[in-house]
Each structure stands twice: as C-alpha cells, then as structure tokens.
Protein backbone atom coordinates (compact mmCIF):
# COMPACT_ATOMS: atom_id res chain seq x y z
CA MET A 1 -78.50 159.97 -175.24
CA LYS A 2 -76.04 160.17 -172.49
CA GLY A 3 -73.55 157.46 -172.35
CA ALA A 4 -73.08 155.43 -169.24
CA THR A 5 -69.89 155.97 -167.20
CA ARG A 6 -68.25 153.04 -165.51
CA ASN A 7 -67.46 153.63 -161.84
CA LYS A 8 -63.80 153.39 -161.05
CA SER A 9 -63.16 151.05 -158.16
CA LYS A 10 -61.27 152.56 -155.14
CA GLN A 11 -58.23 150.63 -154.06
CA ALA A 12 -58.23 149.81 -150.31
CA ILE A 13 -55.12 150.80 -148.33
CA PRO A 14 -54.10 148.09 -145.87
CA TRP A 15 -53.93 148.98 -142.14
CA SER A 16 -50.36 147.81 -142.01
CA THR A 17 -49.37 150.88 -143.99
CA TYR A 18 -50.32 153.04 -140.95
CA ILE A 19 -49.47 150.63 -138.20
CA LYS A 20 -45.86 150.02 -139.17
CA PRO A 21 -44.69 153.69 -138.85
CA VAL A 22 -46.66 154.16 -135.62
CA SER A 23 -45.25 150.95 -134.22
CA ALA A 24 -41.74 152.01 -135.13
CA THR A 25 -42.24 155.40 -133.47
CA VAL A 26 -43.60 153.83 -130.28
CA THR A 27 -40.74 151.37 -130.19
CA ALA A 28 -38.16 154.13 -130.62
CA ALA A 29 -39.81 156.24 -127.91
CA SER A 30 -39.92 153.26 -125.57
CA LEU A 31 -36.25 152.55 -126.17
CA LEU A 32 -35.38 156.20 -125.57
CA LEU A 33 -37.40 156.25 -122.35
CA ALA A 34 -35.74 153.05 -121.21
CA VAL A 35 -32.31 154.53 -121.89
CA VAL A 36 -33.19 157.73 -119.99
CA LEU A 37 -34.52 155.75 -117.04
CA LEU A 38 -31.43 153.56 -117.04
CA ILE A 39 -29.10 156.58 -117.12
CA THR A 40 -31.12 158.24 -114.35
CA TYR A 41 -31.00 155.08 -112.26
CA VAL A 42 -27.25 154.74 -112.73
CA ALA A 43 -26.56 158.45 -112.16
CA ASN A 44 -28.84 158.80 -109.13
CA LYS A 45 -26.52 156.87 -106.87
CA PRO A 46 -27.17 157.12 -103.14
CA VAL A 47 -25.17 159.97 -101.58
CA GLU A 48 -24.26 158.47 -98.22
CA GLN A 49 -20.84 159.91 -97.38
CA LEU A 50 -20.64 163.23 -95.54
CA GLN A 51 -17.48 165.30 -95.87
CA VAL A 52 -17.13 168.24 -93.46
CA VAL A 53 -14.60 170.87 -94.53
CA GLY A 54 -12.84 173.13 -92.02
CA ASN A 55 -12.39 173.07 -88.27
CA GLN A 56 -15.48 173.11 -86.09
CA SER A 57 -15.39 173.69 -82.35
CA HIS A 58 -19.00 172.95 -81.53
CA ILE A 59 -20.66 171.31 -84.58
CA THR A 60 -20.13 167.59 -85.21
CA LYS A 61 -21.06 165.30 -88.09
CA VAL A 62 -23.83 163.88 -85.94
CA ASP A 63 -25.24 167.40 -85.45
CA ILE A 64 -25.21 167.96 -89.22
CA VAL A 65 -26.93 164.65 -90.00
CA ASN A 66 -29.57 165.32 -87.33
CA GLN A 67 -30.14 168.82 -88.70
CA LEU A 68 -30.64 167.52 -92.26
CA GLY A 69 -33.11 164.85 -91.19
CA GLU A 70 -34.75 163.17 -94.20
CA LEU A 71 -32.75 165.26 -96.70
CA PHE A 72 -29.68 163.08 -96.19
CA PRO A 73 -28.83 160.49 -97.38
CA SER A 74 -30.49 160.83 -100.79
CA GLY A 75 -29.89 160.21 -104.49
CA TYR A 76 -27.21 162.17 -106.33
CA LEU A 77 -29.68 163.75 -108.77
CA THR A 78 -32.49 164.33 -106.29
CA LEU A 79 -30.28 165.90 -103.62
CA ASP A 80 -31.11 169.63 -103.48
CA VAL A 81 -27.97 171.56 -102.52
CA HIS A 82 -29.79 174.86 -101.94
CA GLU A 83 -32.37 173.24 -99.66
CA ILE A 84 -29.59 171.60 -97.64
CA GLU A 85 -27.77 174.93 -97.21
CA GLN A 86 -30.94 176.66 -95.99
CA THR A 87 -31.65 173.79 -93.59
CA LEU A 88 -28.14 173.97 -92.13
CA LEU A 89 -28.42 177.74 -91.62
CA ARG A 90 -31.40 177.16 -89.33
CA HIS A 91 -29.01 175.62 -86.79
CA PRO A 92 -28.24 178.31 -84.16
CA LEU A 93 -24.47 177.71 -84.27
CA ILE A 94 -24.06 177.80 -88.06
CA ALA A 95 -23.34 181.26 -89.51
CA LYS A 96 -22.51 180.23 -93.10
CA ALA A 97 -22.88 177.01 -95.09
CA SER A 98 -21.57 176.00 -98.51
CA VAL A 99 -22.64 172.61 -99.90
CA LYS A 100 -21.66 170.69 -103.02
CA LYS A 101 -22.06 167.18 -104.39
CA ILE A 102 -19.01 165.13 -105.37
CA TRP A 103 -19.61 162.24 -107.76
CA PRO A 104 -20.57 159.57 -107.12
CA ASN A 105 -21.71 159.53 -103.48
CA VAL A 106 -20.23 162.38 -101.40
CA LEU A 107 -21.92 165.42 -99.87
CA SER A 108 -19.30 168.06 -99.03
CA VAL A 109 -20.24 170.64 -96.39
CA ALA A 110 -18.15 173.71 -95.50
CA LEU A 111 -19.34 175.51 -92.38
CA THR A 112 -18.56 178.74 -90.56
CA GLU A 113 -19.61 178.56 -86.94
CA GLU A 114 -21.06 181.29 -84.82
CA VAL A 115 -18.50 182.24 -82.17
CA PRO A 116 -20.13 182.77 -78.78
CA VAL A 117 -18.25 185.33 -76.69
CA ALA A 118 -20.64 185.68 -73.76
CA ARG A 119 -23.61 184.12 -72.03
CA TRP A 120 -26.87 186.03 -72.30
CA ASN A 121 -29.53 186.17 -69.58
CA GLY A 122 -28.57 182.74 -68.30
CA SER A 123 -30.08 180.73 -71.15
CA HIS A 124 -28.60 181.96 -74.45
CA MET A 125 -25.31 183.21 -75.85
CA LEU A 126 -24.07 186.28 -77.71
CA SER A 127 -21.84 186.71 -80.74
CA GLU A 128 -19.21 189.44 -80.81
CA HIS A 129 -21.74 191.64 -82.64
CA GLY A 130 -24.31 191.25 -79.88
CA GLU A 131 -26.50 188.85 -81.85
CA VAL A 132 -28.40 186.38 -79.69
CA ILE A 133 -27.50 182.72 -80.27
CA PRO A 134 -30.49 180.72 -78.99
CA ILE A 135 -28.47 177.93 -77.41
CA SER A 136 -26.40 177.44 -74.27
CA LEU A 137 -23.11 175.52 -74.37
CA SER A 138 -21.53 174.06 -71.28
CA GLY A 139 -17.83 173.90 -70.57
CA LEU A 140 -17.03 177.39 -71.88
CA SER A 141 -15.50 180.03 -69.64
CA LEU A 142 -17.39 183.11 -70.84
CA PRO A 143 -18.58 186.32 -69.19
CA SER A 144 -22.24 186.54 -68.23
CA LEU A 145 -24.23 189.46 -69.66
CA ARG A 146 -27.74 190.45 -68.68
CA GLY A 147 -30.19 193.05 -69.93
CA GLN A 148 -32.82 193.67 -72.57
CA ALA A 149 -30.99 195.10 -75.61
CA SER A 150 -28.27 192.59 -76.47
CA GLU A 151 -26.37 194.82 -78.92
CA LEU A 152 -26.27 197.72 -76.43
CA VAL A 153 -25.02 195.46 -73.64
CA MET A 154 -22.35 193.89 -75.87
CA GLU A 155 -21.17 197.32 -77.04
CA HIS A 156 -20.71 198.46 -73.44
CA TYR A 157 -19.15 195.17 -72.40
CA LEU A 158 -16.39 195.66 -74.98
CA LEU A 159 -15.76 199.20 -73.70
CA PHE A 160 -15.83 198.22 -70.03
CA ASN A 161 -13.67 195.16 -70.65
CA ARG A 162 -10.94 197.20 -72.35
CA TRP A 163 -10.94 199.61 -69.42
CA SER A 164 -10.81 196.71 -66.96
CA LYS A 165 -7.87 195.02 -68.65
CA ARG A 166 -5.82 198.21 -68.36
CA HIS A 167 -6.12 197.78 -64.60
CA ASN A 168 -5.58 194.00 -64.57
CA LEU A 169 -9.22 193.34 -63.73
CA ASN A 170 -11.12 190.38 -65.19
CA LEU A 171 -14.71 191.38 -65.95
CA THR A 172 -16.89 188.28 -65.53
CA GLU A 173 -20.42 189.72 -65.35
CA LEU A 174 -22.21 192.77 -66.71
CA SER A 175 -25.82 193.61 -65.91
CA LYS A 176 -27.94 196.43 -67.32
CA GLY A 177 -30.83 197.53 -65.13
CA ALA A 178 -31.41 201.05 -63.87
CA GLY A 179 -27.64 201.41 -64.27
CA TRP A 180 -24.61 199.27 -65.06
CA LEU A 181 -23.27 196.67 -62.64
CA LEU A 182 -19.77 195.38 -63.38
CA SER A 183 -18.65 192.26 -61.49
CA TYR A 184 -15.09 190.92 -61.40
CA ASP A 185 -13.53 187.58 -60.55
CA ASN A 186 -11.86 189.02 -57.42
CA GLY A 187 -15.24 189.93 -55.89
CA LEU A 188 -15.11 193.62 -56.82
CA THR A 189 -18.26 195.30 -58.17
CA ILE A 190 -18.52 198.73 -59.80
CA ARG A 191 -21.81 200.57 -60.26
CA LEU A 192 -22.21 203.15 -63.02
CA ASP A 193 -24.98 205.46 -64.18
CA SER A 194 -26.63 204.46 -67.46
CA ASN A 195 -26.09 207.82 -69.15
CA THR A 196 -22.63 208.79 -67.89
CA ALA A 197 -20.89 205.42 -67.50
CA MET A 198 -17.75 206.17 -69.52
CA LYS A 199 -17.27 209.59 -67.90
CA GLU A 200 -17.50 207.93 -64.50
CA LEU A 201 -14.87 205.37 -65.47
CA GLU A 202 -12.62 208.19 -66.66
CA LYS A 203 -13.05 209.81 -63.25
CA LEU A 204 -12.22 206.52 -61.55
CA GLU A 205 -9.22 206.04 -63.85
CA SER A 206 -7.10 208.59 -62.01
CA VAL A 207 -7.55 207.08 -58.55
CA ILE A 208 -8.23 203.36 -58.85
CA ASP A 209 -4.56 202.39 -58.98
CA ARG A 210 -4.05 204.12 -55.62
CA PHE A 211 -6.36 201.60 -53.96
CA GLN A 212 -5.32 198.24 -52.66
CA ILE A 213 -7.91 196.85 -55.01
CA GLU A 214 -7.92 193.42 -53.38
CA ARG A 215 -9.34 195.08 -50.26
CA VAL A 216 -12.18 196.83 -52.11
CA SER A 217 -15.60 195.19 -52.15
CA SER A 218 -17.51 197.71 -54.27
CA ILE A 219 -17.26 201.13 -55.87
CA ASP A 220 -20.36 203.21 -56.60
CA MET A 221 -19.76 206.02 -59.09
CA ARG A 222 -23.37 207.24 -59.20
CA TYR A 223 -22.70 210.43 -57.25
CA GLU A 224 -22.58 213.94 -58.62
CA GLN A 225 -19.64 214.67 -56.35
CA GLY A 226 -17.12 211.88 -55.85
CA PHE A 227 -17.91 208.20 -55.35
CA ALA A 228 -18.43 205.64 -52.59
CA VAL A 229 -16.09 202.77 -51.74
CA ALA A 230 -16.97 199.76 -49.59
CA TRP A 231 -14.10 197.73 -48.19
CA LYS A 232 -14.07 194.01 -47.66
CA HIS A 233 -14.74 192.90 -44.06
CA ASP A 234 -15.74 196.47 -43.24
CA SER A 235 -19.32 197.74 -43.30
CA GLU A 236 -18.30 201.39 -43.35
CA ASP A 237 -18.46 203.18 -46.69
CA VAL A 238 -15.86 205.74 -47.62
CA GLN A 239 -16.92 208.54 -49.95
CA GLY A 240 -14.25 209.93 -52.27
C-alpha cells in the first residue's frame, strides 16, 4: 500500500519584490535623462554674436548674416560649423572660409575674399587667374575684358598690360573676337592677329616710341608686311 504524500504549499512572492527594483531603475534613468536635458539646455546657449576676422574690402557682416539665412543665430550645440563654411563659400566673393564657435555665444568667421582684377563681358568680374566671379561691383576702376574663354583673355591681358606699361600706356579694355583689340585711356587702339599677337607687339616695340603717340588714333598690326597707322583728326592711313 502506497503511502499518501502531503503536498508542499508554494510560498507566494509579493509583487513588491519585482516592482521596487524596476521602480528604482526607472527613477535613476529619469534623473539621468533630466540631468542630460538640463546640461544640454544650459550648454546650448544661443549663438548670437558674429565675429569677423581679417580685413574685408567687399564683404560686410550684413552680407554674411544674409548668406547664412536660418543657420544663424542658432544654439551652441546645434550650430554646424561645416555647414556654415560650405554656405559661406557659395557667396561669389568668398574664396576661403574658416569658422569656429567660441563659448558661450560667439561665431567667429575668418574669410579670404576673391580679388576682382577686371570686369568681364559687362556683367561679371575676373580674378587674377581668369576665374569668373558672377557678380558686378560698382565704384572700382578696373579694365574691361571681353571674349569667350576667360582664362585665355586674362592670360593675354597680363602679357599685353606688361608691354603697355613699358611704353607708359594704360590698357583699359581688351576684346577677343576674330583678333585682339587693345584700347587705352588716351583713345589709342591697337589691333593684333589672334595667332601672332606677341610677335606683332615685338615688331611694334622698335618703332612705337618714335611716334607722337598722343596723335595716333589706331594701329593695325594685322599685315604681313608692316602695319597701318591712323592719326587723330586725319582720315588718311599711313602704312609702315
């Protein structure tokens, strides 16, 4: 006969045994989150002061603020320095930009401006490397260059200008069409062939100082033999 076995009663575990650790964990996490949010709030101060480093001839603080648009002012932590630099570089007169944040509320901007050295086709400007600057500034006394290939025209302008200065001539306009047209502030114009321009100037070099240049209206070097000179107040051409 099998003996009867008495069932052992299972002891119930109260819910509080589980709830207390969970509650403590949630409380700690909430406190940590609150601390993080507080630190973020305190650290993310509004950056409202703009500091521009260096000397700018054409770019003002107003231009910079307008270029940045909604990016500035902003919070210290949310302000994206790289994005601001890239936005500034989209301005046609800004060649280089370096940006940094200074605690607690300053945005420091160091700029290198594009230096326009000539006007281009009446509506734009050129850098010394012949790069087109898609803007036109008033109040600058610059030569006017015209053509299709900006780098080619700038390269020849520098050559022609050096030649002109040796003869005390101020080159104010240069146009590239079928040939080269050089215009000076005294009213003189010189026409050169596209392919042999520098050789023609070398040929002119030996005789130009013999002229009373203030009396000369134009010189056309596009002849195989010699050149043609037109005198002011005289319709007759003289071929050299």
